[in-house]
Amino acid sequence: MVSLRTAFAFLTILPGLPANPSARQLSASRAYYPVVGLALGLLLVALEAASSSIFPVFLTSALIVVSLVIATRGLHLDGLMDVCDGLFGGYTRERRLEIMRDSNVGAFAVSGALSVLLLKWAAILSLLSLREGEIIWVLILFPVISRWGIVLLMGAFPYARTQGMGSDFHREPAMVATVTAGMIALAASLLLGGLGGMAALGLVTALVWLLGKGMAAYLGGLTGDCYGAANEVGEVVALGILVALVPHDLVTPMHQLLGL
């Protein structure tokens, strides 16, 4: 499927992006963003299993964080850094957007990236110290939930520029793709995380929407960098919520809850 292949090529280091993809192809690919998150989660589970048999949890946690950055070629982290520089370094809409286009990195960008990476490392380190069964479901689920956040913002807010990486996503109607992505994220959260998964999905959805509303107020809309920033924040929040719920037996897949 072209849309599925486009989603993986756009969000990860995997090759396969069609030559000169149309706006329709790019827009439709958002339906599979949670599927990309699911694949990344499975990759993290395999990495954790291999690394934990060799290294202590401190190094395993760091390897998971670094591997996620590599697997996504730093796309979302770069967006977060640009947003931090733009929002905190500019005083007008035009100046903020100008800073976000600049390839130079400022202090706000570095601080934002380090803060997010540190929080992820600490959250995953905390997760690895908990019960082994729940570790799998959290590692699979949090990338799914965060990538639903990207789709949510694409549909909820206008684009701030006339051109840019994210502009093609607003040139074609995408209601079906947005609903499809939401249903995939909902099904994954319920089936893999039970009540905890649903709670994480609901809270991340609300917080990412508020983040999008705040960024749109400062920028007159959102940009591709904003989508990346939302993903990074969504990963941190989803991880934090799921890790907090695991000790209370709230992150349990449906087949275990039903005794199947």
Protein backbone atom coordinates (compact mmCIF):
# COMPACT_ATOMS: atom_id res chain seq x y z
CA MET A 1 0.00 0.00 0.00
CA VAL A 2 1.40 3.35 -1.06
CA SER A 3 0.01 5.24 1.96
CA LEU A 4 1.48 2.77 4.46
CA ARG A 5 4.86 2.79 2.71
CA THR A 6 4.78 6.57 2.60
CA ALA A 7 4.06 6.77 6.34
CA PHE A 8 7.05 4.55 7.20
CA ALA A 9 9.39 6.34 4.80
CA PHE A 10 8.31 9.77 6.04
CA LEU A 11 8.55 9.03 9.78
CA THR A 12 11.47 6.59 9.94
CA ILE A 13 14.84 5.87 8.36
CA LEU A 14 13.32 3.12 6.22
CA PRO A 15 13.55 3.83 2.48
CA GLY A 16 10.55 3.69 0.19
CA LEU A 17 9.10 7.20 -0.11
CA PRO A 18 7.58 7.38 -3.60
CA ALA A 19 9.31 9.71 -6.03
CA ASN A 20 7.62 13.11 -5.81
CA PRO A 21 4.72 11.91 -3.63
CA SER A 22 1.52 13.79 -4.26
CA ALA A 23 -0.24 15.87 -1.65
CA ARG A 24 -3.00 13.25 -1.61
CA GLN A 25 -0.54 10.43 -0.89
CA LEU A 26 1.14 12.34 1.92
CA SER A 27 -2.16 13.40 3.43
CA ALA A 28 -3.60 9.88 3.32
CA SER A 29 -0.47 8.41 4.91
CA ARG A 30 -1.37 9.93 8.28
CA ALA A 31 -3.90 7.12 8.73
CA TYR A 32 -0.98 4.78 9.39
CA TYR A 33 1.07 6.93 11.76
CA PRO A 34 -0.06 4.86 14.77
CA VAL A 35 0.97 1.73 12.84
CA VAL A 36 4.44 3.23 12.45
CA GLY A 37 4.42 3.81 16.21
CA LEU A 38 3.45 0.17 16.75
CA ALA A 39 6.36 -1.02 14.61
CA LEU A 40 8.76 1.24 16.51
CA GLY A 41 7.41 -0.11 19.79
CA LEU A 42 8.04 -3.70 18.68
CA LEU A 43 11.57 -2.69 17.72
CA LEU A 44 12.11 -1.27 21.21
CA VAL A 45 10.83 -4.49 22.79
CA ALA A 46 13.32 -6.55 20.78
CA LEU A 47 16.13 -4.14 21.63
CA GLU A 48 15.26 -4.22 25.33
CA ALA A 49 15.26 -8.03 25.39
CA ALA A 50 18.65 -8.22 23.68
CA SER A 51 20.28 -5.42 25.65
CA SER A 52 18.98 -6.50 29.06
CA SER A 53 20.66 -9.88 28.67
CA ILE A 54 24.02 -8.14 28.33
CA PHE A 55 23.94 -4.68 29.91
CA PRO A 56 22.57 -3.17 33.13
CA VAL A 57 19.32 -1.19 33.02
CA PHE A 58 21.08 2.19 32.91
CA LEU A 59 22.77 1.43 29.60
CA THR A 60 19.73 -0.42 28.23
CA SER A 61 17.56 2.63 28.89
CA ALA A 62 20.05 4.89 27.11
CA LEU A 63 20.24 2.52 24.13
CA ILE A 64 16.45 2.54 23.80
CA VAL A 65 16.32 6.34 23.79
CA VAL A 66 19.16 6.68 21.28
CA SER A 67 17.74 3.94 19.06
CA LEU A 68 14.40 5.74 18.90
CA VAL A 69 16.16 8.92 17.77
CA ILE A 70 18.09 7.00 15.11
CA ALA A 71 15.04 5.07 13.90
CA THR A 72 13.18 8.34 13.31
CA ARG A 73 16.34 10.05 11.95
CA GLY A 74 15.87 12.73 14.62
CA LEU A 75 12.92 14.20 12.71
CA HIS A 76 10.70 14.85 15.72
CA LEU A 77 13.54 15.94 17.98
CA ASP A 78 14.65 18.46 15.37
CA GLY A 79 11.11 19.83 15.31
CA LEU A 80 11.08 20.19 19.07
CA MET A 81 14.36 22.08 19.01
CA ASP A 82 13.15 24.48 16.32
CA VAL A 83 9.94 25.13 18.22
CA CYS A 84 11.81 25.83 21.46
CA ASP A 85 14.07 28.33 19.73
CA GLY A 86 11.20 29.99 17.88
CA LEU A 87 8.67 30.27 20.68
CA PHE A 88 11.11 31.38 23.35
CA GLY A 89 13.45 33.39 21.15
CA GLY A 90 11.02 35.48 19.12
CA TYR A 91 8.56 38.21 20.07
CA THR A 92 6.40 38.38 16.95
CA ARG A 93 4.77 35.73 14.79
CA GLU A 94 7.02 36.54 11.85
CA ARG A 95 10.18 36.45 13.92
CA ARG A 96 9.24 33.13 15.55
CA LEU A 97 8.63 31.51 12.17
CA GLU A 98 11.88 32.96 10.86
CA ILE A 99 13.85 31.51 13.77
CA MET A 100 12.20 28.12 13.27
CA ARG A 101 13.40 28.09 9.67
CA ASP A 102 16.97 28.90 10.71
CA SER A 103 19.22 25.84 10.74
CA ASN A 104 21.32 27.28 13.59
CA VAL A 105 20.68 25.87 17.07
CA GLY A 106 20.20 28.11 20.08
CA ALA A 107 20.25 27.64 23.83
CA PHE A 108 16.48 27.07 24.01
CA ALA A 109 16.74 24.25 21.47
CA VAL A 110 19.54 22.53 23.35
CA SER A 111 17.74 22.90 26.68
CA GLY A 112 14.49 21.52 25.25
CA ALA A 113 16.17 18.51 23.62
CA LEU A 114 18.22 17.66 26.69
CA SER A 115 15.16 17.94 28.94
CA VAL A 116 13.07 15.61 26.78
CA LEU A 117 15.85 13.04 26.34
CA LEU A 118 16.57 13.06 30.07
CA LEU A 119 12.90 12.56 30.91
CA LYS A 120 12.62 9.68 28.45
CA TRP A 121 15.74 8.03 29.81
CA ALA A 122 14.50 8.35 33.39
CA ALA A 123 11.02 7.08 32.49
CA ILE A 124 12.35 4.04 30.65
CA LEU A 125 14.86 3.38 33.45
CA SER A 126 11.97 3.45 35.92
CA LEU A 127 9.97 1.15 33.66
CA LEU A 128 12.76 -1.42 33.45
CA SER A 129 12.82 -1.66 37.24
CA LEU A 130 9.16 -2.70 37.31
CA ARG A 131 7.56 -6.05 36.51
CA GLU A 132 8.73 -7.62 33.28
CA GLY A 133 5.31 -8.38 31.78
CA GLU A 134 4.11 -4.80 31.77
CA ILE A 135 7.39 -3.52 30.26
CA ILE A 136 6.48 -5.01 26.91
CA TRP A 137 3.09 -3.31 26.65
CA VAL A 138 4.40 0.12 27.66
CA LEU A 139 7.27 0.00 25.15
CA ILE A 140 4.89 -0.96 22.37
CA LEU A 141 2.15 1.48 23.27
CA PHE A 142 3.76 4.85 23.97
CA PRO A 143 5.00 5.44 20.37
CA VAL A 144 1.51 4.61 19.08
CA ILE A 145 -0.15 7.18 21.33
CA SER A 146 2.37 9.94 20.56
CA ARG A 147 2.01 9.52 16.79
CA TRP A 148 -1.74 9.80 17.10
CA GLY A 149 -0.99 13.22 18.58
CA ILE A 150 0.61 14.29 15.29
CA VAL A 151 -2.51 13.28 13.36
CA LEU A 152 -4.72 15.08 15.85
CA LEU A 153 -2.89 18.38 15.39
CA MET A 154 -2.82 18.05 11.61
CA GLY A 155 -6.60 17.89 11.60
CA ALA A 156 -7.35 20.33 14.40
CA PHE A 157 -5.30 23.41 13.46
CA PRO A 158 -4.46 25.31 10.26
CA TYR A 159 -0.99 25.42 8.77
CA ALA A 160 1.01 28.54 9.58
CA ARG A 161 2.91 28.79 6.28
CA THR A 162 1.96 28.69 2.62
CA GLN A 163 4.85 26.31 1.98
CA GLY A 164 6.82 23.87 4.09
CA MET A 165 7.19 20.19 4.95
CA GLY A 166 3.73 20.01 6.47
CA SER A 167 1.84 22.11 3.93
CA ASP A 168 0.93 19.15 1.70
CA PHE A 169 -1.00 17.61 4.56
CA HIS A 170 -3.46 20.51 4.39
CA ARG A 171 -4.07 20.55 0.64
CA GLU A 172 -6.27 17.46 0.58
CA PRO A 173 -9.23 16.47 2.79
CA ALA A 174 -8.20 13.85 5.32
CA MET A 175 -11.19 13.18 7.56
CA VAL A 176 -11.19 9.46 6.74
CA ALA A 177 -7.44 9.17 7.38
CA THR A 178 -7.75 11.04 10.67
CA VAL A 179 -10.61 8.86 11.88
CA THR A 180 -8.72 5.73 10.81
CA ALA A 181 -5.65 6.79 12.77
CA GLY A 182 -7.80 7.54 15.81
CA MET A 183 -9.48 4.13 15.65
CA ILE A 184 -6.11 2.37 15.35
CA ALA A 185 -4.74 4.28 18.34
CA LEU A 186 -7.90 3.58 20.34
CA ALA A 187 -7.85 -0.13 19.54
CA ALA A 188 -4.14 -0.44 20.37
CA SER A 189 -4.55 1.42 23.66
CA LEU A 190 -7.48 -0.75 24.73
CA LEU A 191 -6.12 -4.10 23.56
CA LEU A 192 -2.53 -3.59 24.74
CA GLY A 193 -2.95 -1.37 27.78
CA GLY A 194 -6.46 -1.89 29.07
CA LEU A 195 -7.66 0.84 31.40
CA GLY A 196 -4.17 2.30 31.71
CA GLY A 197 -3.77 2.47 27.96
CA MET A 198 -7.09 4.24 27.57
CA ALA A 199 -6.18 6.69 30.33
CA ALA A 200 -2.84 7.44 28.68
CA LEU A 201 -4.48 7.94 25.30
CA GLY A 202 -7.10 10.29 26.72
CA LEU A 203 -4.66 12.39 28.72
CA VAL A 204 -2.09 12.64 25.92
CA THR A 205 -4.84 13.61 23.47
CA ALA A 206 -6.00 16.41 25.75
CA LEU A 207 -2.50 17.68 26.54
CA VAL A 208 -1.31 17.57 22.93
CA TRP A 209 -4.42 19.46 21.82
CA LEU A 210 -3.72 22.13 24.45
CA LEU A 211 -0.09 22.28 23.32
CA GLY A 212 -1.25 22.69 19.73
CA LYS A 213 -3.67 25.43 20.71
CA GLY A 214 -0.89 27.29 22.51
CA MET A 215 1.57 26.98 19.63
CA ALA A 216 -1.10 28.05 17.12
CA ALA A 217 -1.83 31.15 19.20
CA TYR A 218 1.82 32.21 18.97
CA LEU A 219 2.40 31.21 15.35
CA GLY A 220 -0.97 31.77 13.69
CA GLY A 221 -1.21 28.05 13.00
CA LEU A 222 1.10 25.04 13.19
CA THR A 223 4.11 23.88 11.18
CA GLY A 224 5.87 20.58 10.61
CA ASP A 225 8.18 21.44 13.49
CA CYS A 226 5.14 21.74 15.76
CA TYR A 227 4.08 18.22 14.83
CA GLY A 228 7.52 16.92 15.76
CA ALA A 229 7.44 18.79 19.07
CA ALA A 230 4.01 17.36 19.83
CA ASN A 231 5.31 13.85 19.21
CA GLU A 232 8.25 14.33 21.57
CA VAL A 233 6.04 15.75 24.30
CA GLY A 234 3.48 13.01 23.68
CA GLU A 235 6.12 10.31 24.12
CA VAL A 236 7.28 11.76 27.42
CA VAL A 237 3.74 12.19 28.76
CA ALA A 238 2.58 8.75 27.61
CA LEU A 239 5.64 7.13 29.15
CA GLY A 240 5.17 8.98 32.42
CA ILE A 241 1.49 8.06 32.71
CA LEU A 242 1.99 4.40 31.82
CA VAL A 243 4.97 4.01 34.18
CA ALA A 244 2.92 5.57 36.98
CA LEU A 245 0.01 3.18 36.34
CA VAL A 246 1.98 -0.07 36.02
CA PRO A 247 2.46 -0.59 39.82
CA HIS A 248 -1.32 -0.36 40.24
CA ASP A 249 -1.99 -3.18 37.75
CA LEU A 250 -3.74 -0.78 35.38
CA VAL A 251 -1.60 -1.45 32.29
CA THR A 252 -2.89 -4.91 31.40
CA PRO A 253 -3.82 -6.10 27.90
CA MET A 254 -7.42 -7.08 27.30
CA HIS A 255 -6.73 -10.77 26.78
CA GLN A 256 -5.27 -10.97 30.29
CA LEU A 257 -8.14 -8.97 31.78
CA LEU A 258 -10.59 -11.36 30.15
CA GLY A 259 -8.61 -14.41 31.26
CA LEU A 260 -7.98 -15.57 27.71
